[in-house]
């Protein structure tokens, strides 16, 4: 079985320091990798006004963190230089097809999982999925705001999927 752990991008600051959300996703990916060290890791995240305004792709900051914490450098696939969730999936698609992965463990935050599941399950209907929801280290109020945002964009993602397949 050919497995990949996909870690969805999240913010870093203007110096490349990973946010608490990014760190929680990296830690979840690390825990998954330690249980399945034969897996590859596909990291997403390029550049964007809301998450990374440096000259280094967000995914490379995550890769450095994971290597520092014991992941082998050859465990990584190419990165997906995405700007948002839908692009995470569409830019990951050729990488997944190239490696012929047949099992994906999708790592993202708990507040983001419903949207990520919707998109990835539609784009990869013939691949087996596992999901790892990283716990977001924020206040209950902030978590509610993040969850509300995610609910507010679900219709847009359904439209994106309809356009993608039309």
N, C-alpha and C. Protein backbone atom coordinates (compact mmCIF):
# COMPACT_ATOMS: atom_id res chain seq x y z
N UNK A 1 0.85 -1.18 0.00
CA UNK A 1 0.00 0.00 0.00
C UNK A 1 0.89 1.24 0.00
N UNK A 2 0.52 2.18 -0.81
CA UNK A 2 1.29 3.41 -0.94
C UNK A 2 0.54 4.55 -0.25
N UNK A 3 1.11 5.03 0.85
CA UNK A 3 0.43 6.01 1.69
C UNK A 3 1.10 7.37 1.63
N UNK A 4 0.25 8.40 1.76
CA UNK A 4 0.75 9.76 1.87
C UNK A 4 0.00 10.48 2.98
N UNK A 5 0.72 11.27 3.71
CA UNK A 5 0.15 12.15 4.73
C UNK A 5 0.15 13.55 4.12
N UNK A 6 -1.03 14.11 3.93
CA UNK A 6 -1.14 15.46 3.37
C UNK A 6 -1.39 16.42 4.52
N UNK A 7 -0.53 17.42 4.63
CA UNK A 7 -0.65 18.42 5.68
C UNK A 7 -1.05 19.74 5.04
N UNK A 8 -2.23 20.22 5.38
CA UNK A 8 -2.73 21.44 4.77
C UNK A 8 -2.09 22.67 5.40
N UNK A 9 -1.81 23.63 4.55
CA UNK A 9 -1.13 24.85 4.97
C UNK A 9 -1.97 25.70 5.91
N UNK A 10 -1.29 26.55 6.63
CA UNK A 10 -1.90 27.49 7.57
C UNK A 10 -0.90 28.62 7.79
N UNK A 11 -1.21 29.60 8.62
CA UNK A 11 -0.36 30.80 8.67
C UNK A 11 1.03 30.62 9.28
N UNK A 12 1.91 31.48 8.80
CA UNK A 12 3.19 31.77 9.47
C UNK A 12 3.33 33.29 9.47
N UNK A 13 4.24 33.80 10.30
CA UNK A 13 4.39 35.26 10.35
C UNK A 13 5.35 35.75 9.27
N UNK A 14 5.61 37.05 9.28
CA UNK A 14 6.44 37.63 8.22
C UNK A 14 7.92 37.29 8.36
N UNK A 15 8.27 36.55 9.41
CA UNK A 15 9.63 36.04 9.58
C UNK A 15 9.70 34.53 9.34
N UNK A 16 8.57 33.94 9.00
CA UNK A 16 8.53 32.50 8.75
C UNK A 16 8.24 31.65 9.96
N UNK A 17 7.94 32.27 11.09
CA UNK A 17 7.61 31.52 12.31
C UNK A 17 6.21 30.92 12.14
N UNK A 18 6.11 29.62 12.35
CA UNK A 18 4.83 28.95 12.21
C UNK A 18 3.86 29.38 13.30
N UNK A 19 2.61 29.58 12.92
CA UNK A 19 1.56 29.92 13.88
C UNK A 19 1.24 28.70 14.74
N UNK A 20 0.48 28.93 15.80
CA UNK A 20 0.06 27.81 16.64
C UNK A 20 -0.77 26.81 15.84
N UNK A 21 -1.58 27.31 14.91
CA UNK A 21 -2.38 26.41 14.06
C UNK A 21 -1.45 25.56 13.21
N UNK A 22 -0.46 26.19 12.59
CA UNK A 22 0.50 25.45 11.75
C UNK A 22 1.27 24.43 12.59
N UNK A 23 1.70 24.83 13.77
CA UNK A 23 2.43 23.90 14.64
C UNK A 23 1.57 22.71 15.04
N UNK A 24 0.30 22.95 15.34
CA UNK A 24 -0.56 21.84 15.73
C UNK A 24 -0.74 20.87 14.57
N UNK A 25 -0.82 21.38 13.35
CA UNK A 25 -0.93 20.50 12.17
C UNK A 25 0.37 19.73 11.96
N UNK A 26 1.49 20.39 12.12
CA UNK A 26 2.78 19.70 11.98
C UNK A 26 2.94 18.61 13.04
N UNK A 27 2.53 18.91 14.27
CA UNK A 27 2.64 17.91 15.33
C UNK A 27 1.73 16.72 15.06
N UNK A 28 0.55 16.97 14.52
CA UNK A 28 -0.36 15.87 14.15
C UNK A 28 0.26 15.03 13.03
N UNK A 29 0.87 15.70 12.05
CA UNK A 29 1.52 14.98 10.96
C UNK A 29 2.69 14.14 11.49
N UNK A 30 3.44 14.70 12.41
CA UNK A 30 4.57 13.99 12.99
C UNK A 30 4.10 12.74 13.73
N UNK A 31 3.03 12.87 14.50
CA UNK A 31 2.49 11.71 15.23
C UNK A 31 2.03 10.63 14.25
N UNK A 32 1.41 11.03 13.16
CA UNK A 32 0.97 10.07 12.15
C UNK A 32 2.16 9.41 11.48
N UNK A 33 3.15 10.20 11.12
CA UNK A 33 4.35 9.67 10.46
C UNK A 33 5.08 8.67 11.37
N UNK A 34 5.15 8.97 12.65
CA UNK A 34 5.85 8.07 13.58
C UNK A 34 5.15 6.72 13.66
N UNK A 35 3.83 6.69 13.46
CA UNK A 35 3.08 5.43 13.45
C UNK A 35 3.19 4.72 12.11
N UNK A 36 3.43 5.49 11.05
CA UNK A 36 3.50 4.94 9.69
C UNK A 36 4.73 5.51 8.97
N UNK A 37 5.94 5.14 9.41
CA UNK A 37 7.15 5.77 8.85
C UNK A 37 7.41 5.43 7.38
N UNK A 38 6.68 4.49 6.83
CA UNK A 38 6.83 4.19 5.41
C UNK A 38 6.03 5.19 4.56
N UNK A 39 5.24 6.03 5.18
CA UNK A 39 4.43 7.02 4.46
C UNK A 39 5.30 8.14 3.92
N UNK A 40 4.82 8.75 2.86
CA UNK A 40 5.40 9.99 2.35
C UNK A 40 4.59 11.14 2.93
N UNK A 41 5.16 12.33 2.91
CA UNK A 41 4.46 13.53 3.35
C UNK A 41 4.36 14.51 2.19
N UNK A 42 3.16 15.02 1.98
CA UNK A 42 2.91 16.04 0.97
C UNK A 42 2.43 17.27 1.71
N UNK A 43 3.22 18.31 1.67
CA UNK A 43 2.91 19.55 2.38
C UNK A 43 2.34 20.57 1.41
N UNK A 44 1.32 21.30 1.86
CA UNK A 44 0.73 22.33 1.01
C UNK A 44 1.00 23.70 1.61
N UNK A 45 0.93 24.69 0.75
CA UNK A 45 1.07 26.07 1.21
C UNK A 45 2.20 26.79 0.51
N UNK A 46 1.82 27.76 -0.27
CA UNK A 46 2.79 28.60 -0.96
C UNK A 46 2.84 29.96 -0.32
N UNK A 47 2.18 30.90 -0.98
CA UNK A 47 2.20 32.29 -0.55
C UNK A 47 0.78 32.84 -0.57
N UNK A 48 0.49 33.79 0.31
CA UNK A 48 -0.82 34.43 0.31
C UNK A 48 -0.88 35.54 1.33
N UNK A 49 -1.70 36.52 1.03
CA UNK A 49 -1.81 37.70 1.89
C UNK A 49 -2.27 37.34 3.30
N UNK A 50 -3.05 36.28 3.43
CA UNK A 50 -3.62 35.94 4.74
C UNK A 50 -2.83 34.88 5.50
N UNK A 51 -1.79 34.32 4.87
CA UNK A 51 -1.09 33.27 5.61
C UNK A 51 0.43 33.27 5.45
N UNK A 52 0.98 33.82 4.37
CA UNK A 52 2.43 33.81 4.22
C UNK A 52 2.87 34.89 3.24
N UNK A 53 3.49 35.93 3.78
CA UNK A 53 3.97 37.03 2.95
C UNK A 53 5.49 37.06 2.87
N UNK A 54 6.14 35.95 3.18
CA UNK A 54 7.59 35.88 3.06
C UNK A 54 7.95 35.46 1.63
N UNK A 55 9.22 35.29 1.38
CA UNK A 55 9.67 34.83 0.06
C UNK A 55 9.92 33.32 0.03
N UNK A 56 9.62 32.64 1.12
CA UNK A 56 9.77 31.18 1.22
C UNK A 56 8.39 30.55 1.31
N UNK A 57 8.12 29.50 0.55
CA UNK A 57 6.80 28.86 0.64
C UNK A 57 6.52 28.36 2.06
N UNK A 58 5.27 28.52 2.48
CA UNK A 58 4.85 28.05 3.80
C UNK A 58 5.21 26.58 4.00
N UNK A 59 5.00 25.76 2.99
CA UNK A 59 5.26 24.32 3.11
C UNK A 59 6.72 24.04 3.48
N UNK A 60 7.63 24.88 3.03
CA UNK A 60 9.04 24.66 3.38
C UNK A 60 9.31 24.95 4.85
N UNK A 61 8.60 25.91 5.43
CA UNK A 61 8.74 26.14 6.87
C UNK A 61 8.27 24.90 7.64
N UNK A 62 7.17 24.31 7.18
CA UNK A 62 6.65 23.10 7.83
C UNK A 62 7.63 21.94 7.63
N UNK A 63 8.18 21.83 6.44
CA UNK A 63 9.14 20.76 6.17
C UNK A 63 10.36 20.87 7.08
N UNK A 64 10.87 22.07 7.24
CA UNK A 64 12.02 22.28 8.14
C UNK A 64 11.69 21.85 9.56
N UNK A 65 10.48 22.22 10.01
CA UNK A 65 10.05 21.84 11.36
C UNK A 65 10.02 20.32 11.49
N UNK A 66 9.42 19.65 10.51
CA UNK A 66 9.27 18.20 10.59
C UNK A 66 10.63 17.49 10.52
N UNK A 67 11.52 17.96 9.69
CA UNK A 67 12.86 17.37 9.62
C UNK A 67 13.59 17.56 10.95
N UNK A 68 13.46 18.75 11.51
CA UNK A 68 14.08 19.03 12.82
C UNK A 68 13.57 18.07 13.90
N UNK A 69 12.33 17.60 13.72
CA UNK A 69 11.72 16.72 14.71
C UNK A 69 11.75 15.24 14.29
N UNK A 70 12.63 14.91 13.35
CA UNK A 70 12.91 13.50 13.09
C UNK A 70 12.40 12.90 11.80
N UNK A 71 11.67 13.64 10.99
CA UNK A 71 11.22 13.09 9.71
C UNK A 71 12.41 13.12 8.75
N UNK A 72 12.60 12.04 8.03
CA UNK A 72 13.70 11.96 7.08
C UNK A 72 13.43 12.86 5.88
N UNK A 73 14.47 13.48 5.36
CA UNK A 73 14.31 14.41 4.24
C UNK A 73 13.73 13.74 3.01
N UNK A 74 14.02 12.46 2.82
CA UNK A 74 13.49 11.78 1.63
C UNK A 74 12.06 11.29 1.81
N UNK A 75 11.45 11.61 2.93
CA UNK A 75 10.05 11.23 3.15
C UNK A 75 9.07 12.19 2.47
N UNK A 76 9.58 13.30 1.96
CA UNK A 76 8.70 14.32 1.40
C UNK A 76 8.56 14.20 -0.11
N UNK A 77 7.35 14.41 -0.58
CA UNK A 77 7.11 14.55 -2.01
C UNK A 77 7.40 16.01 -2.38
N UNK A 78 7.15 16.36 -3.63
CA UNK A 78 7.14 17.77 -3.99
C UNK A 78 6.07 18.46 -3.15
N UNK A 79 6.20 19.76 -2.98
CA UNK A 79 5.19 20.51 -2.24
C UNK A 79 4.15 21.07 -3.21
N UNK A 80 2.99 21.37 -2.68
CA UNK A 80 1.92 22.00 -3.45
C UNK A 80 1.89 23.47 -3.06
N UNK A 81 2.24 24.34 -3.99
CA UNK A 81 2.34 25.78 -3.71
C UNK A 81 0.97 26.45 -3.77
N UNK A 82 0.10 26.01 -2.92
CA UNK A 82 -1.29 26.46 -2.91
C UNK A 82 -1.49 27.72 -2.08
N UNK A 83 -2.64 28.37 -2.36
CA UNK A 83 -3.00 29.59 -1.64
C UNK A 83 -4.25 29.43 -0.78
N UNK A 84 -5.02 28.37 -1.03
CA UNK A 84 -6.28 28.15 -0.32
C UNK A 84 -6.65 26.68 -0.43
N UNK A 85 -7.66 26.27 0.32
CA UNK A 85 -7.98 24.85 0.48
C UNK A 85 -8.27 24.15 -0.84
N UNK A 86 -9.09 24.75 -1.69
CA UNK A 86 -9.41 24.09 -2.95
C UNK A 86 -8.14 23.86 -3.78
N UNK A 87 -7.26 24.84 -3.75
CA UNK A 87 -6.00 24.70 -4.47
C UNK A 87 -5.09 23.66 -3.80
N UNK A 88 -5.19 23.50 -2.48
CA UNK A 88 -4.44 22.42 -1.82
C UNK A 88 -4.72 21.11 -2.55
N UNK A 89 -5.99 20.84 -2.79
CA UNK A 89 -6.39 19.58 -3.41
C UNK A 89 -6.02 19.51 -4.88
N UNK A 90 -6.30 20.58 -5.63
CA UNK A 90 -6.04 20.52 -7.07
C UNK A 90 -4.54 20.48 -7.38
N UNK A 91 -3.74 21.16 -6.59
CA UNK A 91 -2.29 21.12 -6.82
C UNK A 91 -1.65 19.84 -6.26
N UNK A 92 -2.30 19.22 -5.29
CA UNK A 92 -1.81 17.94 -4.77
C UNK A 92 -2.13 16.80 -5.73
N UNK A 93 -3.17 16.97 -6.52
CA UNK A 93 -3.64 15.89 -7.40
C UNK A 93 -2.56 15.32 -8.31
N UNK A 94 -1.81 16.14 -9.06
CA UNK A 94 -0.78 15.53 -9.92
C UNK A 94 0.33 14.84 -9.13
N UNK A 95 0.62 15.32 -7.95
CA UNK A 95 1.65 14.69 -7.11
C UNK A 95 1.16 13.32 -6.65
N UNK A 96 -0.10 13.26 -6.23
CA UNK A 96 -0.70 12.01 -5.78
C UNK A 96 -0.75 11.01 -6.93
N UNK A 97 -1.13 11.48 -8.10
CA UNK A 97 -1.20 10.59 -9.27
C UNK A 97 0.19 10.11 -9.68
N UNK A 98 1.17 10.99 -9.63
CA UNK A 98 2.54 10.62 -10.01
C UNK A 98 3.07 9.49 -9.13
N UNK A 99 2.79 9.59 -7.83
CA UNK A 99 3.29 8.58 -6.88
C UNK A 99 2.34 7.38 -6.75
N UNK A 100 1.18 7.49 -7.35
CA UNK A 100 0.17 6.41 -7.30
C UNK A 100 -0.21 6.03 -5.87
N UNK A 101 -0.39 7.05 -5.05
CA UNK A 101 -0.83 6.79 -3.68
C UNK A 101 -2.25 6.24 -3.71
N UNK A 102 -2.51 5.26 -2.86
CA UNK A 102 -3.86 4.72 -2.77
C UNK A 102 -4.46 4.88 -1.38
N UNK A 103 -3.72 5.54 -0.49
CA UNK A 103 -4.25 5.86 0.83
C UNK A 103 -3.72 7.22 1.25
N UNK A 104 -4.64 8.07 1.70
CA UNK A 104 -4.30 9.42 2.14
C UNK A 104 -4.71 9.58 3.60
N UNK A 105 -3.80 10.11 4.40
CA UNK A 105 -4.17 10.61 5.72
C UNK A 105 -4.14 12.13 5.59
N UNK A 106 -5.29 12.73 5.75
CA UNK A 106 -5.43 14.18 5.60
C UNK A 106 -5.33 14.83 6.97
N UNK A 107 -4.36 15.72 7.12
CA UNK A 107 -4.13 16.41 8.39
C UNK A 107 -4.48 17.88 8.23
N UNK A 108 -5.42 18.32 9.04
CA UNK A 108 -5.77 19.73 9.11
C UNK A 108 -6.35 19.98 10.50
N UNK A 109 -6.80 21.18 10.74
CA UNK A 109 -7.37 21.53 12.04
C UNK A 109 -8.80 21.03 12.14
N UNK A 110 -9.26 20.82 13.37
CA UNK A 110 -10.60 20.31 13.57
C UNK A 110 -11.66 21.23 12.98
N UNK A 111 -11.46 22.54 13.05
CA UNK A 111 -12.44 23.48 12.52
C UNK A 111 -12.47 23.47 11.00
N UNK A 112 -11.43 22.99 10.37
CA UNK A 112 -11.26 23.01 8.92
C UNK A 112 -11.59 21.67 8.26
N UNK A 113 -11.74 20.63 9.06
CA UNK A 113 -11.84 19.27 8.54
C UNK A 113 -13.05 19.05 7.65
N UNK A 114 -14.21 19.58 8.00
CA UNK A 114 -15.41 19.34 7.20
C UNK A 114 -15.21 19.83 5.76
N UNK A 115 -14.67 21.02 5.61
CA UNK A 115 -14.43 21.57 4.28
C UNK A 115 -13.37 20.76 3.54
N UNK A 116 -12.29 20.44 4.21
CA UNK A 116 -11.22 19.67 3.57
C UNK A 116 -11.73 18.30 3.12
N UNK A 117 -12.52 17.64 3.96
CA UNK A 117 -13.10 16.34 3.59
C UNK A 117 -13.96 16.47 2.34
N UNK A 118 -14.80 17.48 2.30
CA UNK A 118 -15.68 17.69 1.15
C UNK A 118 -14.86 17.76 -0.13
N UNK A 119 -13.86 18.60 -0.14
CA UNK A 119 -13.07 18.84 -1.35
C UNK A 119 -12.24 17.62 -1.72
N UNK A 120 -11.48 17.10 -0.79
CA UNK A 120 -10.58 15.99 -1.10
C UNK A 120 -11.34 14.72 -1.46
N UNK A 121 -12.43 14.44 -0.79
CA UNK A 121 -13.17 13.21 -1.12
C UNK A 121 -13.77 13.28 -2.52
N UNK A 122 -14.14 14.47 -2.96
CA UNK A 122 -14.67 14.62 -4.32
C UNK A 122 -13.57 14.52 -5.37
N UNK A 123 -12.42 15.09 -5.09
CA UNK A 123 -11.32 15.06 -6.06
C UNK A 123 -10.61 13.70 -6.12
N UNK A 124 -10.72 12.92 -5.06
CA UNK A 124 -10.05 11.63 -5.00
C UNK A 124 -11.03 10.53 -4.58
N UNK A 125 -12.05 10.26 -5.41
CA UNK A 125 -13.09 9.31 -5.00
C UNK A 125 -12.62 7.86 -4.90
N UNK A 126 -11.52 7.52 -5.52
CA UNK A 126 -11.05 6.13 -5.54
C UNK A 126 -9.88 5.88 -4.60
N UNK A 127 -9.66 6.82 -3.70
CA UNK A 127 -8.56 6.68 -2.75
C UNK A 127 -9.14 6.54 -1.34
N UNK A 128 -8.53 5.67 -0.57
CA UNK A 128 -8.94 5.47 0.82
C UNK A 128 -8.41 6.62 1.68
N UNK A 129 -9.27 7.14 2.57
CA UNK A 129 -8.89 8.28 3.41
C UNK A 129 -8.91 7.93 4.89
N UNK A 130 -7.96 8.52 5.60
CA UNK A 130 -7.98 8.63 7.05
C UNK A 130 -7.90 10.12 7.34
N UNK A 131 -8.43 10.53 8.47
CA UNK A 131 -8.45 11.95 8.80
C UNK A 131 -7.87 12.16 10.18
N UNK A 132 -7.01 13.15 10.30
CA UNK A 132 -6.42 13.49 11.59
C UNK A 132 -6.69 14.97 11.83
N UNK A 133 -7.58 15.23 12.77
CA UNK A 133 -7.96 16.61 13.10
C UNK A 133 -7.05 17.12 14.22
N UNK A 134 -6.16 18.02 13.86
CA UNK A 134 -5.28 18.63 14.85
C UNK A 134 -6.10 19.57 15.74
N UNK A 135 -5.86 19.51 17.02
CA UNK A 135 -6.57 20.38 17.95
C UNK A 135 -5.94 21.77 17.92
N UNK A 136 -6.79 22.77 17.74
CA UNK A 136 -6.33 24.14 17.60
C UNK A 136 -6.18 24.80 18.96
N UNK A 137 -4.98 25.25 19.29
CA UNK A 137 -4.75 25.85 20.61
C UNK A 137 -5.18 27.32 20.66
N UNK A 138 -6.50 27.53 20.62
CA UNK A 138 -7.06 28.89 20.70
C UNK A 138 -8.20 28.89 21.71
N UNK A 139 -8.65 30.08 22.06
CA UNK A 139 -9.76 30.20 23.00
C UNK A 139 -11.04 29.64 22.37
N UNK A 140 -12.01 29.32 23.21
CA UNK A 140 -13.29 28.82 22.72
C UNK A 140 -13.96 29.84 21.80
N UNK A 141 -13.82 31.11 22.14
CA UNK A 141 -14.42 32.17 21.31
C UNK A 141 -13.77 32.21 19.92
N UNK A 142 -12.46 32.13 19.88
CA UNK A 142 -11.75 32.15 18.60
C UNK A 142 -12.09 30.91 17.78
N UNK A 143 -12.19 29.77 18.44
CA UNK A 143 -12.54 28.53 17.75
C UNK A 143 -13.93 28.65 17.13
N UNK A 144 -14.86 29.26 17.85
CA UNK A 144 -16.21 29.48 17.31
C UNK A 144 -16.16 30.36 16.07
N UNK A 145 -15.33 31.39 16.08
CA UNK A 145 -15.19 32.26 14.91
C UNK A 145 -14.63 31.49 13.72
N UNK A 146 -13.64 30.67 13.96
CA UNK A 146 -13.06 29.86 12.89
C UNK A 146 -14.09 28.88 12.33
N UNK A 147 -14.85 28.25 13.21
CA UNK A 147 -15.88 27.31 12.76
C UNK A 147 -16.97 28.02 11.96
N UNK A 148 -17.35 29.21 12.39
CA UNK A 148 -18.37 29.99 11.67
C UNK A 148 -17.88 30.36 10.28
N UNK A 149 -16.62 30.74 10.17
CA UNK A 149 -16.06 31.05 8.85
C UNK A 149 -16.12 29.82 7.95
N UNK A 150 -15.74 28.68 8.47
CA UNK A 150 -15.75 27.46 7.67
C UNK A 150 -17.15 27.14 7.15
N UNK A 151 -18.14 27.27 8.00
CA UNK A 151 -19.52 27.03 7.57
C UNK A 151 -19.93 28.02 6.48
N UNK A 152 -19.46 29.25 6.59
CA UNK A 152 -19.86 30.29 5.64
C UNK A 152 -19.30 30.08 4.24
N UNK A 153 -18.28 29.26 4.09
CA UNK A 153 -17.67 29.07 2.76
C UNK A 153 -17.98 27.71 2.14
N UNK A 154 -18.78 26.90 2.78
CA UNK A 154 -19.07 25.57 2.24
C UNK A 154 -19.80 25.64 0.89
N UNK A 155 -20.74 26.56 0.74
CA UNK A 155 -21.44 26.68 -0.55
C UNK A 155 -20.48 27.08 -1.65
N UNK A 156 -19.56 27.97 -1.34
CA UNK A 156 -18.56 28.36 -2.34
C UNK A 156 -17.73 27.16 -2.77
N UNK A 157 -17.38 26.31 -1.84
CA UNK A 157 -16.58 25.13 -2.19
C UNK A 157 -17.39 24.15 -3.04
N UNK A 158 -18.68 24.03 -2.76
CA UNK A 158 -19.53 23.18 -3.61
C UNK A 158 -19.58 23.73 -5.03
N UNK A 159 -19.65 25.06 -5.15
CA UNK A 159 -19.62 25.69 -6.47
C UNK A 159 -18.27 25.45 -7.15
N UNK A 160 -17.19 25.57 -6.41
CA UNK A 160 -15.86 25.29 -6.96
C UNK A 160 -15.78 23.86 -7.50
N UNK A 161 -16.33 22.92 -6.75
CA UNK A 161 -16.32 21.53 -7.20
C UNK A 161 -17.15 21.35 -8.46
N UNK A 162 -18.32 21.97 -8.49
CA UNK A 162 -19.17 21.87 -9.68
C UNK A 162 -18.46 22.43 -10.91
N UNK A 163 -17.79 23.56 -10.76
CA UNK A 163 -17.04 24.15 -11.88
C UNK A 163 -15.87 23.26 -12.28
N UNK A 164 -15.19 22.71 -11.32
CA UNK A 164 -14.03 21.86 -11.60
C UNK A 164 -14.43 20.66 -12.45
N UNK A 165 -15.58 20.08 -12.14
CA UNK A 165 -16.01 18.87 -12.84
C UNK A 165 -16.87 19.14 -14.07
N UNK A 166 -17.14 20.42 -14.35
CA UNK A 166 -17.99 20.72 -15.52
C UNK A 166 -17.19 20.80 -16.81
